[in-house]
Amino acid sequence: MRPVLCLITDRRRLGASWEEALVKRVRTAAAAGVHLVQVRERDLDGGPLTRVVAACVEAVRGTSTRVLVNDRFDVALAAGAHGVHLRGDSFPAPRVAARAPAGFLIGRSVHSVAEALAAAEADALDYLIFGTVFDSGSKPGRSPAGLGELSRVASVTRIPVLAIGGITAENIADVMAAGAAGAAAITMFDMPPYVS
């Protein structure tokens, strides 16, 4: 089974012309077959965030790639995004689902078996992102959960689980063998075919 791949954006890595570079990266990733793009620019105000999300939605038009917004349901709706990714401590998923349009994706971050079980009970999620699985430069100082914990999380829920944290082309086969449906990453997408 081909892994579900989720590109997570980080404009701080893209320089002064970050907006143009971010949209180009999303377009290139969509052309390469990435399934999901999570626009994770948490410190952007609503107006600029809505503008960049709308540009990303336009960039993936005609592909099967879906654009998600990190924790901003309002921005996701305003920009025409395909879904929202909720932080572990964010709104209850059923509350979001009750107001979401048909086909809208809802995901949540989890960091333990207990959180995965609680999220699954809500019965309103399309996927979970679990991590940090391996050492990660974007989460310095956080102890990795490891493949064993990923396997336990994946085994307690029918919701697809994507691994995050230190994911590389070299270890994604191990992630899949542990029961994940795929992976979410920032750094893994810093090379072709995801950038041009």
C-alpha atoms as a PDB file:
ATOM      1  CA  MET A   1       0.000   0.000   0.000  1.00  0.00           C
ATOM      2  CA  ARG A   2       1.332   3.417  -0.940  1.00  0.00           C
ATOM      3  CA  PRO A   3       1.796   5.654   2.129  1.00  0.00           C
ATOM      4  CA  VAL A   4      -0.383   8.724   2.580  1.00  0.00           C
ATOM      5  CA  LEU A   5       1.977  11.697   2.457  1.00  0.00           C
ATOM      6  CA  CYS A   6       1.284  15.027   4.152  1.00  0.00           C
ATOM      7  CA  LEU A   7       3.474  18.061   3.490  1.00  0.00           C
ATOM      8  CA  ILE A   8       3.521  20.466   6.433  1.00  0.00           C
ATOM      9  CA  THR A   9       4.466  24.023   5.549  1.00  0.00           C
ATOM     10  CA  ASP A  10       7.019  26.150   7.397  1.00  0.00           C
ATOM     11  CA  ARG A  11       7.500  29.548   5.779  1.00  0.00           C
ATOM     12  CA  ARG A  12      10.493  30.351   8.006  1.00  0.00           C
ATOM     13  CA  ARG A  13      12.553  27.974   5.871  1.00  0.00           C
ATOM     14  CA  LEU A  14      11.701  29.754   2.617  1.00  0.00           C
ATOM     15  CA  GLY A  15      13.334  33.186   2.843  1.00  0.00           C
ATOM     16  CA  ALA A  16      12.044  36.696   2.165  1.00  0.00           C
ATOM     17  CA  SER A  17       9.773  35.737  -0.743  1.00  0.00           C
ATOM     18  CA  TRP A  18       8.225  32.983   1.358  1.00  0.00           C
ATOM     19  CA  GLU A  19       4.653  33.314   0.091  1.00  0.00           C
ATOM     20  CA  GLU A  20       5.542  32.721  -3.543  1.00  0.00           C
ATOM     21  CA  ALA A  21       7.972  29.938  -2.546  1.00  0.00           C
ATOM     22  CA  LEU A  22       5.393  28.249  -0.306  1.00  0.00           C
ATOM     23  CA  VAL A  23       2.721  28.198  -3.019  1.00  0.00           C
ATOM     24  CA  LYS A  24       5.268  26.900  -5.536  1.00  0.00           C
ATOM     25  CA  ARG A  25       6.270  24.128  -3.116  1.00  0.00           C
ATOM     26  CA  VAL A  26       2.627  23.150  -2.659  1.00  0.00           C
ATOM     27  CA  ARG A  27       2.052  23.106  -6.422  1.00  0.00           C
ATOM     28  CA  THR A  28       5.160  20.963  -6.984  1.00  0.00           C
ATOM     29  CA  ALA A  29       4.212  18.560  -4.171  1.00  0.00           C
ATOM     30  CA  ALA A  30       0.705  18.163  -5.602  1.00  0.00           C
ATOM     31  CA  ALA A  31       2.156  17.383  -9.027  1.00  0.00           C
ATOM     32  CA  ALA A  32       4.405  14.762  -7.357  1.00  0.00           C
ATOM     33  CA  GLY A  33       1.369  13.049  -5.802  1.00  0.00           C
ATOM     34  CA  VAL A  34       1.393  14.303  -2.211  1.00  0.00           C
ATOM     35  CA  HIS A  35      -2.043  13.601  -0.727  1.00  0.00           C
ATOM     36  CA  LEU A  36      -2.356  16.308   1.924  1.00  0.00           C
ATOM     37  CA  VAL A  37      -0.858  19.729   2.555  1.00  0.00           C
ATOM     38  CA  GLN A  38      -1.188  21.159   6.055  1.00  0.00           C
ATOM     39  CA  VAL A  39      -0.684  24.929   6.049  1.00  0.00           C
ATOM     40  CA  ARG A  40       0.795  25.255   9.522  1.00  0.00           C
ATOM     41  CA  GLU A  41       1.645  28.951   9.681  1.00  0.00           C
ATOM     42  CA  ARG A  42       0.310  29.308  13.228  1.00  0.00           C
ATOM     43  CA  ASP A  43       1.594  32.820  13.895  1.00  0.00           C
ATOM     44  CA  LEU A  44       0.096  34.441  10.775  1.00  0.00           C
ATOM     45  CA  ASP A  45      -2.898  36.717  11.282  1.00  0.00           C
ATOM     46  CA  GLY A  46      -6.207  35.660   9.758  1.00  0.00           C
ATOM     47  CA  GLY A  47      -6.044  37.892   6.666  1.00  0.00           C
ATOM     48  CA  PRO A  48      -2.582  36.875   5.426  1.00  0.00           C
ATOM     49  CA  LEU A  49      -3.231  33.243   6.376  1.00  0.00           C
ATOM     50  CA  THR A  50      -6.506  33.189   4.427  1.00  0.00           C
ATOM     51  CA  ARG A  51      -4.727  34.671   1.409  1.00  0.00           C
ATOM     52  CA  VAL A  52      -1.948  32.065   1.397  1.00  0.00           C
ATOM     53  CA  VAL A  53      -4.342  29.167   2.015  1.00  0.00           C
ATOM     54  CA  ALA A  54      -6.559  30.316  -0.867  1.00  0.00           C
ATOM     55  CA  ALA A  55      -3.462  30.468  -3.106  1.00  0.00           C
ATOM     56  CA  CYS A  56      -2.530  26.928  -2.040  1.00  0.00           C
ATOM     57  CA  VAL A  57      -6.058  25.689  -2.794  1.00  0.00           C
ATOM     58  CA  GLU A  58      -5.764  27.222  -6.250  1.00  0.00           C
ATOM     59  CA  ALA A  59      -2.301  25.671  -6.697  1.00  0.00           C
ATOM     60  CA  VAL A  60      -3.652  22.135  -6.175  1.00  0.00           C
ATOM     61  CA  ARG A  61      -6.767  22.583  -8.315  1.00  0.00           C
ATOM     62  CA  GLY A  62      -7.119  19.706 -10.774  1.00  0.00           C
ATOM     63  CA  THR A  63      -5.114  17.304  -8.572  1.00  0.00           C
ATOM     64  CA  SER A  64      -6.184  14.929  -5.813  1.00  0.00           C
ATOM     65  CA  THR A  65      -4.185  16.870  -3.189  1.00  0.00           C
ATOM     66  CA  ARG A  66      -6.226  18.294  -0.317  1.00  0.00           C
ATOM     67  CA  VAL A  67      -5.260  21.470   1.561  1.00  0.00           C
ATOM     68  CA  LEU A  68      -5.764  21.594   5.337  1.00  0.00           C
ATOM     69  CA  VAL A  69      -5.348  24.522   7.709  1.00  0.00           C
ATOM     70  CA  ASN A  70      -3.693  24.093  11.077  1.00  0.00           C
ATOM     71  CA  ASP A  71      -6.309  24.695  13.794  1.00  0.00           C
ATOM     72  CA  ARG A  72      -8.073  27.621  12.056  1.00  0.00           C
ATOM     73  CA  PHE A  73     -11.488  26.314  11.036  1.00  0.00           C
ATOM     74  CA  ASP A  74     -12.612  29.870  10.233  1.00  0.00           C
ATOM     75  CA  VAL A  75      -9.706  30.376   7.836  1.00  0.00           C
ATOM     76  CA  ALA A  76     -10.232  26.952   6.259  1.00  0.00           C
ATOM     77  CA  LEU A  77     -13.840  27.842   5.467  1.00  0.00           C
ATOM     78  CA  ALA A  78     -13.038  31.372   4.257  1.00  0.00           C
ATOM     79  CA  ALA A  79     -10.224  30.173   1.963  1.00  0.00           C
ATOM     80  CA  GLY A  80     -12.105  27.178   0.549  1.00  0.00           C
ATOM     81  CA  ALA A  81      -9.681  24.666   2.076  1.00  0.00           C
ATOM     82  CA  HIS A  82     -10.494  20.969   2.091  1.00  0.00           C
ATOM     83  CA  GLY A  83     -10.119  20.503   5.825  1.00  0.00           C
ATOM     84  CA  VAL A  84      -8.654  21.482   9.173  1.00  0.00           C
ATOM     85  CA  HIS A  85      -6.006  19.884  11.358  1.00  0.00           C
ATOM     86  CA  LEU A  86      -6.725  20.311  15.067  1.00  0.00           C
ATOM     87  CA  ARG A  87      -4.060  20.509  17.748  1.00  0.00           C
ATOM     88  CA  GLY A  88      -4.355  17.975  20.534  1.00  0.00           C
ATOM     89  CA  ASP A  89      -5.789  20.621  22.887  1.00  0.00           C
ATOM     90  CA  SER A  90      -8.063  22.290  20.350  1.00  0.00           C
ATOM     91  CA  PHE A  91     -11.833  22.256  19.726  1.00  0.00           C
ATOM     92  CA  PRO A  92     -13.713  18.970  19.971  1.00  0.00           C
ATOM     93  CA  ALA A  93     -13.886  17.386  16.520  1.00  0.00           C
ATOM     94  CA  PRO A  94     -17.679  16.816  16.649  1.00  0.00           C
ATOM     95  CA  ARG A  95     -18.170  20.563  17.160  1.00  0.00           C
ATOM     96  CA  VAL A  96     -16.175  21.244  14.009  1.00  0.00           C
ATOM     97  CA  ALA A  97     -17.860  18.443  12.057  1.00  0.00           C
ATOM     98  CA  ALA A  98     -21.312  19.845  12.869  1.00  0.00           C
ATOM     99  CA  ARG A  99     -20.405  23.077  11.065  1.00  0.00           C
ATOM    100  CA  ALA A 100     -18.241  21.670   8.272  1.00  0.00           C
ATOM    101  CA  PRO A 101     -19.344  21.270   4.651  1.00  0.00           C
ATOM    102  CA  ALA A 102     -19.696  17.810   3.108  1.00  0.00           C
ATOM    103  CA  GLY A 103     -16.384  16.117   2.376  1.00  0.00           C
ATOM    104  CA  PHE A 104     -14.439  18.388   4.762  1.00  0.00           C
ATOM    105  CA  LEU A 105     -11.486  16.555   6.357  1.00  0.00           C
ATOM    106  CA  ILE A 106     -10.808  16.795  10.079  1.00  0.00           C
ATOM    107  CA  GLY A 107      -7.599  15.543  11.667  1.00  0.00           C
ATOM    108  CA  ARG A 108      -6.060  15.783  15.110  1.00  0.00           C
ATOM    109  CA  SER A 109      -2.607  15.568  16.641  1.00  0.00           C
ATOM    110  CA  VAL A 110      -2.137  12.919  19.325  1.00  0.00           C
ATOM    111  CA  HIS A 111       0.899  12.047  21.410  1.00  0.00           C
ATOM    112  CA  SER A 112      -0.111   8.854  23.231  1.00  0.00           C
ATOM    113  CA  VAL A 113      -2.345   5.799  23.125  1.00  0.00           C
ATOM    114  CA  ALA A 114      -4.709   7.484  25.603  1.00  0.00           C
ATOM    115  CA  GLU A 115      -5.062  10.552  23.372  1.00  0.00           C
ATOM    116  CA  ALA A 116      -5.653   8.355  20.324  1.00  0.00           C
ATOM    117  CA  LEU A 117      -8.391   6.441  22.145  1.00  0.00           C
ATOM    118  CA  ALA A 118     -10.049   9.667  23.295  1.00  0.00           C
ATOM    119  CA  ALA A 119      -9.898  11.101  19.776  1.00  0.00           C
ATOM    120  CA  ALA A 120     -11.401   7.933  18.300  1.00  0.00           C
ATOM    121  CA  GLU A 121     -14.317   8.074  20.752  1.00  0.00           C
ATOM    122  CA  ALA A 122     -15.318  11.449  19.307  1.00  0.00           C
ATOM    123  CA  ASP A 123     -16.119   9.656  16.019  1.00  0.00           C
ATOM    124  CA  ALA A 124     -15.649  12.761  13.888  1.00  0.00           C
ATOM    125  CA  LEU A 125     -12.064  12.431  12.664  1.00  0.00           C
ATOM    126  CA  ASP A 126     -10.703  11.355   9.292  1.00  0.00           C
ATOM    127  CA  TYR A 127      -7.088  10.866  10.422  1.00  0.00           C
ATOM    128  CA  LEU A 128      -4.679  11.284  13.335  1.00  0.00           C
ATOM    129  CA  ILE A 129      -1.103  12.544  13.300  1.00  0.00           C
ATOM    130  CA  PHE A 130       1.054  10.867  15.950  1.00  0.00           C
ATOM    131  CA  GLY A 131       4.519  11.871  17.055  1.00  0.00           C
ATOM    132  CA  THR A 132       7.197  12.775  17.545  1.00  0.00           C
ATOM    133  CA  VAL A 133       8.302   9.321  16.330  1.00  0.00           C
ATOM    134  CA  PHE A 134      12.020   9.983  15.701  1.00  0.00           C
ATOM    135  CA  ASP A 135      14.363  12.802  16.726  1.00  0.00           C
ATOM    136  CA  SER A 136      13.281  15.920  14.866  1.00  0.00           C
ATOM    137  CA  GLY A 137      14.978  19.238  14.222  1.00  0.00           C
ATOM    138  CA  SER A 138      11.601  20.990  14.321  1.00  0.00           C
ATOM    139  CA  LYS A 139      10.943  19.670  17.867  1.00  0.00           C
ATOM    140  CA  PRO A 140      14.340  19.986  19.569  1.00  0.00           C
ATOM    141  CA  GLY A 141      14.580  18.492  23.030  1.00  0.00           C
ATOM    142  CA  ARG A 142      11.460  16.336  22.676  1.00  0.00           C
ATOM    143  CA  SER A 143      12.105  12.667  23.369  1.00  0.00           C
ATOM    144  CA  PRO A 144      11.000  10.533  20.432  1.00  0.00           C
ATOM    145  CA  ALA A 145       8.119   8.125  21.051  1.00  0.00           C
ATOM    146  CA  GLY A 146       9.617   5.469  18.780  1.00  0.00           C
ATOM    147  CA  LEU A 147       8.154   2.891  16.427  1.00  0.00           C
ATOM    148  CA  GLY A 148       6.794   0.744  19.267  1.00  0.00           C
ATOM    149  CA  GLU A 149       4.525   3.526  20.514  1.00  0.00           C
ATOM    150  CA  LEU A 150       3.496   4.336  16.930  1.00  0.00           C
ATOM    151  CA  SER A 151       2.505   0.695  16.511  1.00  0.00           C
ATOM    152  CA  ARG A 152       0.467   0.759  19.735  1.00  0.00           C
ATOM    153  CA  VAL A 153      -1.352   3.948  18.662  1.00  0.00           C
ATOM    154  CA  ALA A 154      -2.096   2.552  15.197  1.00  0.00           C
ATOM    155  CA  SER A 155      -3.423  -0.681  16.705  1.00  0.00           C
ATOM    156  CA  VAL A 156      -5.995   0.923  19.034  1.00  0.00           C
ATOM    157  CA  THR A 157      -7.976   2.828  16.401  1.00  0.00           C
ATOM    158  CA  ARG A 158      -9.485   2.313  12.955  1.00  0.00           C
ATOM    159  CA  ILE A 159      -8.711   5.959  12.147  1.00  0.00           C
ATOM    160  CA  PRO A 160      -5.692   6.201   9.804  1.00  0.00           C
ATOM    161  CA  VAL A 161      -2.598   7.311  11.703  1.00  0.00           C
ATOM    162  CA  LEU A 162       0.142   9.393  10.077  1.00  0.00           C
ATOM    163  CA  ALA A 163       3.541   9.453  11.767  1.00  0.00           C
ATOM    164  CA  ILE A 164       5.394  12.725  12.284  1.00  0.00           C
ATOM    165  CA  GLY A 165       8.818  13.652  13.589  1.00  0.00           C
ATOM    166  CA  GLY A 166      12.102  12.833  11.910  1.00  0.00           C
ATOM    167  CA  ILE A 167      10.428  11.120   8.954  1.00  0.00           C
ATOM    168  CA  THR A 168      12.763  10.449   6.026  1.00  0.00           C
ATOM    169  CA  ALA A 169      12.663   8.506   2.782  1.00  0.00           C
ATOM    170  CA  GLU A 170      14.918   5.972   4.549  1.00  0.00           C
ATOM    171  CA  ASN A 171      12.660   5.280   7.539  1.00  0.00           C
ATOM    172  CA  ILE A 172       9.184   5.560   6.009  1.00  0.00           C
ATOM    173  CA  ALA A 173       9.121   1.797   5.307  1.00  0.00           C
ATOM    174  CA  ASP A 174       9.643   1.203   9.052  1.00  0.00           C
ATOM    175  CA  VAL A 175       6.814   3.639   9.819  1.00  0.00           C
ATOM    176  CA  MET A 176       4.486   1.722   7.496  1.00  0.00           C
ATOM    177  CA  ALA A 177       5.563  -1.618   8.977  1.00  0.00           C
ATOM    178  CA  ALA A 178       4.610  -0.246  12.412  1.00  0.00           C
ATOM    179  CA  GLY A 179       1.028   0.182  11.189  1.00  0.00           C
ATOM    180  CA  ALA A 180       0.912   3.812  10.116  1.00  0.00           C
ATOM    181  CA  ALA A 181      -1.122   4.785   7.064  1.00  0.00           C
ATOM    182  CA  GLY A 182       1.588   7.253   6.081  1.00  0.00           C
ATOM    183  CA  ALA A 183       3.600  10.205   7.284  1.00  0.00           C
ATOM    184  CA  ALA A 184       3.519  13.955   7.748  1.00  0.00           C
ATOM    185  CA  ALA A 185       6.734  15.934   7.468  1.00  0.00           C
ATOM    186  CA  ILE A 186       8.437  19.222   6.782  1.00  0.00           C
ATOM    187  CA  THR A 187      12.080  18.378   6.047  1.00  0.00           C
ATOM    188  CA  MET A 188      11.422  15.233   4.020  1.00  0.00           C
ATOM    189  CA  PHE A 189       9.926  17.458   1.319  1.00  0.00           C
ATOM    190  CA  ASP A 190      13.036  19.650   1.001  1.00  0.00           C
ATOM    191  CA  MET A 191      14.300  17.638  -1.982  1.00  0.00           C
ATOM    192  CA  PRO A 192      13.101  16.530  -5.427  1.00  0.00           C
ATOM    193  CA  PRO A 193      10.537  15.590  -6.555  1.00  0.00           C
ATOM    194  CA  TYR A 194       8.845  17.894  -4.018  1.00  0.00           C
ATOM    195  CA  VAL A 195      10.887  20.983  -4.828  1.00  0.00           C
ATOM    196  CA  SER A 196      12.034  22.166  -8.204  1.00  0.00           C
END
